[in-house]
Amino acid sequence: MIMKNIILNVFYLEVISKMVNWRSNPNWERANGSYR
C-alpha cells in the first residue's frame, strides 16, 4: 500500500512538472507535438 502511494505521488509530481514546463516553455511544446 505505502509503496503504491509513493509511486502514485511520484507520477503525479512528474505530470504536474510537465504541465508547468509546457505552460512556461512554448519551445518544449513544439519539440513534443505528440504530447497532447
N, C-alpha and C. Protein backbone atom coordinates (compact mmCIF):
# COMPACT_ATOMS: atom_id res chain seq x y z
N MET A 1 0.84 -1.22 0.00
CA MET A 1 0.00 0.00 0.00
C MET A 1 0.87 1.26 0.00
N ILE A 2 1.80 1.31 0.95
CA ILE A 2 2.65 2.52 1.04
C ILE A 2 3.46 2.68 -0.24
N MET A 3 3.99 1.56 -0.73
CA MET A 3 4.80 1.61 -1.95
C MET A 3 3.96 2.17 -3.10
N LYS A 4 2.72 1.70 -3.19
CA LYS A 4 1.83 2.15 -4.26
C LYS A 4 1.61 3.66 -4.16
N ASN A 5 1.39 4.16 -2.95
CA ASN A 5 1.17 5.59 -2.77
C ASN A 5 2.38 6.40 -3.19
N ILE A 6 3.57 5.90 -2.87
CA ILE A 6 4.80 6.62 -3.25
C ILE A 6 4.89 6.70 -4.77
N ILE A 7 4.61 5.58 -5.44
CA ILE A 7 4.69 5.56 -6.91
C ILE A 7 3.68 6.54 -7.49
N LEU A 8 2.46 6.54 -6.94
CA LEU A 8 1.43 7.46 -7.45
C LEU A 8 1.85 8.91 -7.24
N ASN A 9 2.41 9.21 -6.07
CA ASN A 9 2.84 10.58 -5.78
C ASN A 9 3.91 11.02 -6.76
N VAL A 10 4.88 10.15 -7.03
CA VAL A 10 5.95 10.48 -7.98
C VAL A 10 5.35 10.72 -9.36
N PHE A 11 4.40 9.87 -9.75
CA PHE A 11 3.76 10.01 -11.06
C PHE A 11 3.04 11.34 -11.18
N TYR A 12 2.29 11.71 -10.15
CA TYR A 12 1.56 12.98 -10.18
C TYR A 12 2.52 14.16 -10.21
N LEU A 13 3.60 14.09 -9.43
CA LEU A 13 4.59 15.18 -9.45
C LEU A 13 5.18 15.33 -10.84
N GLU A 14 5.45 14.20 -11.49
CA GLU A 14 6.01 14.20 -12.84
C GLU A 14 5.05 14.89 -13.81
N VAL A 15 3.77 14.52 -13.73
CA VAL A 15 2.77 15.10 -14.64
C VAL A 15 2.63 16.60 -14.39
N ILE A 16 2.57 17.00 -13.12
CA ILE A 16 2.41 18.42 -12.79
C ILE A 16 3.60 19.21 -13.30
N SER A 17 4.81 18.68 -13.08
CA SER A 17 6.00 19.41 -13.54
C SER A 17 6.01 19.51 -15.06
N LYS A 18 5.52 18.48 -15.74
CA LYS A 18 5.45 18.53 -17.21
C LYS A 18 4.47 19.62 -17.64
N MET A 19 3.32 19.69 -16.99
CA MET A 19 2.33 20.70 -17.34
C MET A 19 2.89 22.10 -17.10
N VAL A 20 3.59 22.29 -16.00
CA VAL A 20 4.18 23.60 -15.71
C VAL A 20 5.20 23.96 -16.78
N ASN A 21 6.05 23.01 -17.15
CA ASN A 21 7.04 23.26 -18.19
C ASN A 21 6.36 23.59 -19.51
N TRP A 22 5.28 22.85 -19.81
CA TRP A 22 4.57 23.04 -21.08
C TRP A 22 3.94 24.44 -21.14
N ARG A 23 3.44 24.91 -19.98
CA ARG A 23 2.81 26.24 -19.94
C ARG A 23 3.85 27.33 -20.10
N SER A 24 5.02 27.17 -19.46
CA SER A 24 6.00 28.25 -19.41
C SER A 24 7.05 28.11 -20.52
N ASN A 25 6.97 27.06 -21.33
CA ASN A 25 8.01 26.83 -22.33
C ASN A 25 7.37 26.41 -23.66
N PRO A 26 7.04 27.37 -24.52
CA PRO A 26 6.41 27.04 -25.82
C PRO A 26 7.30 26.17 -26.70
N ASN A 27 8.62 26.34 -26.59
CA ASN A 27 9.52 25.52 -27.41
C ASN A 27 9.38 24.05 -27.04
N TRP A 28 9.16 23.77 -25.75
CA TRP A 28 9.00 22.40 -25.29
C TRP A 28 7.78 21.77 -25.96
N GLU A 29 6.72 22.56 -26.10
CA GLU A 29 5.50 22.05 -26.73
C GLU A 29 5.77 21.72 -28.19
N ARG A 30 6.52 22.57 -28.88
CA ARG A 30 6.81 22.33 -30.29
C ARG A 30 7.68 21.08 -30.45
N ALA A 31 8.62 20.90 -29.52
CA ALA A 31 9.52 19.74 -29.62
C ALA A 31 8.74 18.44 -29.38
N ASN A 32 7.71 18.51 -28.53
CA ASN A 32 6.91 17.32 -28.23
C ASN A 32 5.47 17.54 -28.69
N GLY A 33 5.29 17.62 -29.98
CA GLY A 33 3.96 17.90 -30.51
C GLY A 33 2.98 16.76 -30.26
N SER A 34 3.50 15.55 -30.07
CA SER A 34 2.63 14.40 -29.88
C SER A 34 2.20 14.26 -28.42
N TYR A 35 2.59 15.21 -27.58
CA TYR A 35 2.25 15.09 -26.14
C TYR A 35 0.74 15.19 -25.93
N ARG A 36 0.06 16.07 -26.71
CA ARG A 36 -1.38 16.26 -26.50
C ARG A 36 -2.15 15.05 -27.01
